[in-house]
Amino acid sequence: MPIRPVRVGELDVLRDIERAAGLCFRDVGMPEIADDEPFPVEVLAEYQADGRAWAASDGADAPIAYLIWDPVDGNVHIEQVSVHPDHAGRRIGRSLLEQVARLAAADGVPALTLTTFVKVPWNAPYYLRCGFRCLDESDLTPGLRAIRRREAEHGLDRWPRTAMRRDL
């Protein structure tokens, strides 16, 4: 599965991937998450221009999954990973995580972090299998605390959430 930087002309495709991937949240009683709009193209363009957007592509070199990240407290914070449901279950999300982990480790970054839903099978349980661990409130860095506050303001704390870390 080729993994490469996202190209400028693919930003609308990323939004379509996220919308399709989000539909499965309806199946676990989270329709608000399923209906949540992806980042606007302008925001995705910032990730792409900064080299913080990666895509897994199909045989025609079209994106079928993507990952974007932010620098947070000296770590690489995974902001979003989305795999189109037509390609789910093939370790594509894990391949994207591994690519970013390799790059981060090569740059001397100590860890990957993310925030996610605790009880959604393809969220916290999945990331545990990918080598992440849940952080206690006392382990949160200032940047992770700020992210969790923004998530709460956005209404995401209606469902249990956690911050996670994977040491590199």
C-alpha atoms as a PDB file:
ATOM      1  CA  MET A   1       0.000   0.000   0.000  1.00  0.00           C
ATOM      2  CA  PRO A   2       1.745   3.192  -1.117  1.00  0.00           C
ATOM      3  CA  ILE A   3       1.877   5.909   1.544  1.00  0.00           C
ATOM      4  CA  ARG A   4       2.872   9.375   0.449  1.00  0.00           C
ATOM      5  CA  PRO A   5       2.341  13.052   1.199  1.00  0.00           C
ATOM      6  CA  VAL A   6      -1.075  14.417   0.287  1.00  0.00           C
ATOM      7  CA  ARG A   7      -1.184  16.516  -2.874  1.00  0.00           C
ATOM      8  CA  VAL A   8      -2.977  19.865  -3.180  1.00  0.00           C
ATOM      9  CA  GLY A   9      -5.588  18.579  -5.628  1.00  0.00           C
ATOM     10  CA  GLU A  10      -6.650  15.783  -3.249  1.00  0.00           C
ATOM     11  CA  LEU A  11      -8.051  17.838  -0.389  1.00  0.00           C
ATOM     12  CA  ASP A  12     -11.699  17.399  -1.372  1.00  0.00           C
ATOM     13  CA  VAL A  13     -11.068  13.650  -1.627  1.00  0.00           C
ATOM     14  CA  LEU A  14      -9.850  13.662   1.985  1.00  0.00           C
ATOM     15  CA  ARG A  15     -13.097  15.294   3.057  1.00  0.00           C
ATOM     16  CA  ASP A  16     -15.067  12.610   1.178  1.00  0.00           C
ATOM     17  CA  ILE A  17     -13.018   9.863   2.861  1.00  0.00           C
ATOM     18  CA  GLU A  18     -13.732  11.306   6.296  1.00  0.00           C
ATOM     19  CA  ARG A  19     -17.452  11.659   5.618  1.00  0.00           C
ATOM     20  CA  ALA A  20     -17.658   8.041   4.437  1.00  0.00           C
ATOM     21  CA  ALA A  21     -15.576   6.755   7.346  1.00  0.00           C
ATOM     22  CA  GLY A  22     -17.687   8.691   9.836  1.00  0.00           C
ATOM     23  CA  LEU A  23     -20.945   7.034   8.826  1.00  0.00           C
ATOM     24  CA  CYS A  24     -20.181   3.973  10.976  1.00  0.00           C
ATOM     25  CA  PHE A  25     -20.642   6.151  14.075  1.00  0.00           C
ATOM     26  CA  ARG A  26     -24.399   5.895  13.426  1.00  0.00           C
ATOM     27  CA  ASP A  27     -24.124   2.168  14.116  1.00  0.00           C
ATOM     28  CA  VAL A  28     -22.854   2.825  17.650  1.00  0.00           C
ATOM     29  CA  GLY A  29     -25.429   5.489  18.549  1.00  0.00           C
ATOM     30  CA  MET A  30     -23.305   8.534  17.725  1.00  0.00           C
ATOM     31  CA  PRO A  31     -25.143  10.216  14.820  1.00  0.00           C
ATOM     32  CA  GLU A  32     -23.772  13.631  15.780  1.00  0.00           C
ATOM     33  CA  ILE A  33     -20.261  12.364  15.079  1.00  0.00           C
ATOM     34  CA  ALA A  34     -21.397  10.841  11.785  1.00  0.00           C
ATOM     35  CA  ASP A  35     -22.872  14.206  10.775  1.00  0.00           C
ATOM     36  CA  ASP A  36     -19.864  16.275  11.869  1.00  0.00           C
ATOM     37  CA  GLU A  37     -18.261  17.989   8.888  1.00  0.00           C
ATOM     38  CA  PRO A  38     -14.574  17.377   8.112  1.00  0.00           C
ATOM     39  CA  PHE A  39     -12.071  20.208   8.259  1.00  0.00           C
ATOM     40  CA  PRO A  40     -12.550  22.761   5.469  1.00  0.00           C
ATOM     41  CA  VAL A  41     -10.255  22.532   2.450  1.00  0.00           C
ATOM     42  CA  GLU A  42      -8.407  25.633   3.663  1.00  0.00           C
ATOM     43  CA  VAL A  43      -7.445  23.917   6.921  1.00  0.00           C
ATOM     44  CA  LEU A  44      -6.432  20.713   5.149  1.00  0.00           C
ATOM     45  CA  ALA A  45      -4.345  22.837   2.773  1.00  0.00           C
ATOM     46  CA  GLU A  46      -2.338  24.106   5.754  1.00  0.00           C
ATOM     47  CA  TYR A  47      -1.599  20.529   6.828  1.00  0.00           C
ATOM     48  CA  GLN A  48      -0.636  19.614   3.264  1.00  0.00           C
ATOM     49  CA  ALA A  49       1.615  22.644   2.792  1.00  0.00           C
ATOM     50  CA  ASP A  50       3.364  21.957   6.110  1.00  0.00           C
ATOM     51  CA  GLY A  51       4.026  18.290   5.231  1.00  0.00           C
ATOM     52  CA  ARG A  52       1.667  17.100   7.980  1.00  0.00           C
ATOM     53  CA  ALA A  53      -0.823  15.257   5.742  1.00  0.00           C
ATOM     54  CA  TRP A  54      -0.207  11.705   4.535  1.00  0.00           C
ATOM     55  CA  ALA A  55      -2.309   9.485   2.287  1.00  0.00           C
ATOM     56  CA  ALA A  56      -2.509   5.796   1.548  1.00  0.00           C
ATOM     57  CA  SER A  57      -3.360   5.355  -2.102  1.00  0.00           C
ATOM     58  CA  ASP A  58      -4.856   2.662  -4.293  1.00  0.00           C
ATOM     59  CA  GLY A  59      -3.459   1.172  -7.499  1.00  0.00           C
ATOM     60  CA  ALA A  60      -4.494   4.290  -9.424  1.00  0.00           C
ATOM     61  CA  ASP A  61      -2.650   6.467  -6.869  1.00  0.00           C
ATOM     62  CA  ALA A  62      -5.914   7.920  -5.523  1.00  0.00           C
ATOM     63  CA  PRO A  63      -6.170   8.454  -1.745  1.00  0.00           C
ATOM     64  CA  ILE A  64      -8.203   5.856   0.130  1.00  0.00           C
ATOM     65  CA  ALA A  65      -7.112   6.921   3.634  1.00  0.00           C
ATOM     66  CA  TYR A  66      -5.324   9.811   5.251  1.00  0.00           C
ATOM     67  CA  LEU A  67      -3.696  11.037   8.437  1.00  0.00           C
ATOM     68  CA  ILE A  68      -3.023  14.594   9.584  1.00  0.00           C
ATOM     69  CA  TRP A  69      -0.996  15.631  12.610  1.00  0.00           C
ATOM     70  CA  ASP A  70      -0.054  18.615  14.740  1.00  0.00           C
ATOM     71  CA  PRO A  71       3.028  19.348  16.826  1.00  0.00           C
ATOM     72  CA  VAL A  72       1.876  19.370  20.463  1.00  0.00           C
ATOM     73  CA  ASP A  73       4.267  19.758  23.388  1.00  0.00           C
ATOM     74  CA  GLY A  74       7.209  18.359  21.422  1.00  0.00           C
ATOM     75  CA  ASN A  75       5.267  15.309  20.245  1.00  0.00           C
ATOM     76  CA  VAL A  76       3.387  14.404  17.072  1.00  0.00           C
ATOM     77  CA  HIS A  77      -0.326  14.599  17.836  1.00  0.00           C
ATOM     78  CA  ILE A  78      -2.502  12.578  15.465  1.00  0.00           C
ATOM     79  CA  GLU A  79      -5.359  14.932  14.675  1.00  0.00           C
ATOM     80  CA  GLN A  80      -7.253  12.650  12.308  1.00  0.00           C
ATOM     81  CA  VAL A  81      -6.961   9.215  10.733  1.00  0.00           C
ATOM     82  CA  SER A  82      -9.677   8.184   8.291  1.00  0.00           C
ATOM     83  CA  VAL A  83      -9.889   5.105   6.084  1.00  0.00           C
ATOM     84  CA  HIS A  84     -12.602   4.848   3.461  1.00  0.00           C
ATOM     85  CA  PRO A  85     -14.916   2.003   4.547  1.00  0.00           C
ATOM     86  CA  ASP A  86     -14.462   0.255   1.182  1.00  0.00           C
ATOM     87  CA  HIS A  87     -10.850  -0.342   2.271  1.00  0.00           C
ATOM     88  CA  ALA A  88     -11.317  -0.934   6.013  1.00  0.00           C
ATOM     89  CA  GLY A  89      -9.798  -3.937   7.764  1.00  0.00           C
ATOM     90  CA  ARG A  90      -6.606  -4.007   5.687  1.00  0.00           C
ATOM     91  CA  ARG A  91      -4.252  -2.375   8.229  1.00  0.00           C
ATOM     92  CA  ILE A  92      -4.194   0.847   6.217  1.00  0.00           C
ATOM     93  CA  GLY A  93      -4.726   3.079   9.249  1.00  0.00           C
ATOM     94  CA  ARG A  94      -1.934   1.252  11.052  1.00  0.00           C
ATOM     95  CA  SER A  95       0.349   1.696   8.042  1.00  0.00           C
ATOM     96  CA  LEU A  96      -0.271   5.444   8.127  1.00  0.00           C
ATOM     97  CA  LEU A  97       0.464   5.514  11.865  1.00  0.00           C
ATOM     98  CA  GLU A  98       3.677   3.548  11.340  1.00  0.00           C
ATOM     99  CA  GLN A  99       4.845   5.893   8.580  1.00  0.00           C
ATOM    100  CA  VAL A 100       4.341   8.946  10.772  1.00  0.00           C
ATOM    101  CA  ALA A 101       5.952   7.152  13.734  1.00  0.00           C
ATOM    102  CA  ARG A 102       9.053   6.376  11.644  1.00  0.00           C
ATOM    103  CA  LEU A 103       9.347   9.966  10.480  1.00  0.00           C
ATOM    104  CA  ALA A 104       8.799  11.341  13.973  1.00  0.00           C
ATOM    105  CA  ALA A 105      11.346   8.976  15.527  1.00  0.00           C
ATOM    106  CA  ALA A 106      13.893   9.915  12.864  1.00  0.00           C
ATOM    107  CA  ASP A 107      13.389  13.560  13.866  1.00  0.00           C
ATOM    108  CA  GLY A 108      13.921  12.710  17.549  1.00  0.00           C
ATOM    109  CA  VAL A 109      10.280  13.170  18.530  1.00  0.00           C
ATOM    110  CA  PRO A 110       9.635  11.228  21.755  1.00  0.00           C
ATOM    111  CA  ALA A 111       6.011  10.175  21.207  1.00  0.00           C
ATOM    112  CA  LEU A 112       2.814  10.124  19.216  1.00  0.00           C
ATOM    113  CA  THR A 113      -0.322  11.316  20.994  1.00  0.00           C
ATOM    114  CA  LEU A 114      -3.999  11.393  20.133  1.00  0.00           C
ATOM    115  CA  THR A 115      -7.432  11.735  21.677  1.00  0.00           C
ATOM    116  CA  THR A 116     -10.216   9.311  20.939  1.00  0.00           C
ATOM    117  CA  PHE A 117     -13.444   7.684  22.088  1.00  0.00           C
ATOM    118  CA  VAL A 118     -12.981   5.069  24.796  1.00  0.00           C
ATOM    119  CA  LYS A 119     -15.759   2.618  23.914  1.00  0.00           C
ATOM    120  CA  VAL A 120     -15.761   2.742  20.114  1.00  0.00           C
ATOM    121  CA  PRO A 121     -14.045  -0.451  18.865  1.00  0.00           C
ATOM    122  CA  TRP A 122     -12.116   1.275  16.075  1.00  0.00           C
ATOM    123  CA  ASN A 123     -10.952   4.028  18.441  1.00  0.00           C
ATOM    124  CA  ALA A 124      -9.259   3.456  21.840  1.00  0.00           C
ATOM    125  CA  PRO A 125      -9.289  -0.383  21.656  1.00  0.00           C
ATOM    126  CA  TYR A 126      -7.712  -0.183  18.196  1.00  0.00           C
ATOM    127  CA  TYR A 127      -5.039   2.295  19.282  1.00  0.00           C
ATOM    128  CA  LEU A 128      -4.157   0.084  22.255  1.00  0.00           C
ATOM    129  CA  ARG A 129      -3.388  -2.669  19.733  1.00  0.00           C
ATOM    130  CA  CYS A 130      -1.218  -0.136  17.843  1.00  0.00           C
ATOM    131  CA  GLY A 131       0.978   0.429  20.891  1.00  0.00           C
ATOM    132  CA  PHE A 132      -0.696   3.450  22.476  1.00  0.00           C
ATOM    133  CA  ARG A 133      -1.581   3.649  26.163  1.00  0.00           C
ATOM    134  CA  CYS A 134      -4.294   5.677  27.859  1.00  0.00           C
ATOM    135  CA  LEU A 135      -3.113   8.676  29.839  1.00  0.00           C
ATOM    136  CA  ASP A 136      -4.424   9.623  33.258  1.00  0.00           C
ATOM    137  CA  GLU A 137      -5.563  13.202  33.719  1.00  0.00           C
ATOM    138  CA  SER A 138      -2.374  13.856  35.709  1.00  0.00           C
ATOM    139  CA  ASP A 139      -0.270  12.723  32.709  1.00  0.00           C
ATOM    140  CA  LEU A 140      -1.756  15.235  30.277  1.00  0.00           C
ATOM    141  CA  THR A 141       0.601  17.877  28.940  1.00  0.00           C
ATOM    142  CA  PRO A 142      -0.635  21.478  28.668  1.00  0.00           C
ATOM    143  CA  GLY A 143      -1.294  21.024  24.953  1.00  0.00           C
ATOM    144  CA  LEU A 144      -3.304  17.845  25.483  1.00  0.00           C
ATOM    145  CA  ARG A 145      -5.315  19.586  28.214  1.00  0.00           C
ATOM    146  CA  ALA A 146      -6.124  22.380  25.751  1.00  0.00           C
ATOM    147  CA  ILE A 147      -7.176  19.853  23.105  1.00  0.00           C
ATOM    148  CA  ARG A 148      -9.438  18.057  25.589  1.00  0.00           C
ATOM    149  CA  ARG A 149     -11.008  21.402  26.594  1.00  0.00           C
ATOM    150  CA  ARG A 150     -11.751  22.234  22.942  1.00  0.00           C
ATOM    151  CA  GLU A 151     -13.251  18.774  22.442  1.00  0.00           C
ATOM    152  CA  ALA A 152     -15.478  19.235  25.489  1.00  0.00           C
ATOM    153  CA  GLU A 153     -16.602  22.631  24.173  1.00  0.00           C
ATOM    154  CA  HIS A 154     -17.440  20.946  20.865  1.00  0.00           C
ATOM    155  CA  GLY A 155     -19.642  18.429  22.747  1.00  0.00           C
ATOM    156  CA  LEU A 156     -17.427  15.382  22.278  1.00  0.00           C
ATOM    157  CA  ASP A 157     -17.423  14.591  26.005  1.00  0.00           C
ATOM    158  CA  ARG A 158     -20.990  13.406  25.681  1.00  0.00           C
ATOM    159  CA  TRP A 159     -19.253  10.065  25.107  1.00  0.00           C
ATOM    160  CA  PRO A 160     -16.231   8.881  27.138  1.00  0.00           C
ATOM    161  CA  ARG A 161     -12.934  10.099  25.646  1.00  0.00           C
ATOM    162  CA  THR A 162      -9.301   9.619  26.467  1.00  0.00           C
ATOM    163  CA  ALA A 163      -5.906  10.946  25.519  1.00  0.00           C
ATOM    164  CA  MET A 164      -3.361   8.339  24.475  1.00  0.00           C
ATOM    165  CA  ARG A 165       0.406   8.190  23.972  1.00  0.00           C
ATOM    166  CA  ARG A 166       2.771   5.912  22.100  1.00  0.00           C
ATOM    167  CA  ASP A 167       6.419   6.313  23.031  1.00  0.00           C
ATOM    168  CA  LEU A 168       8.793   6.145  20.075  1.00  0.00           C
END
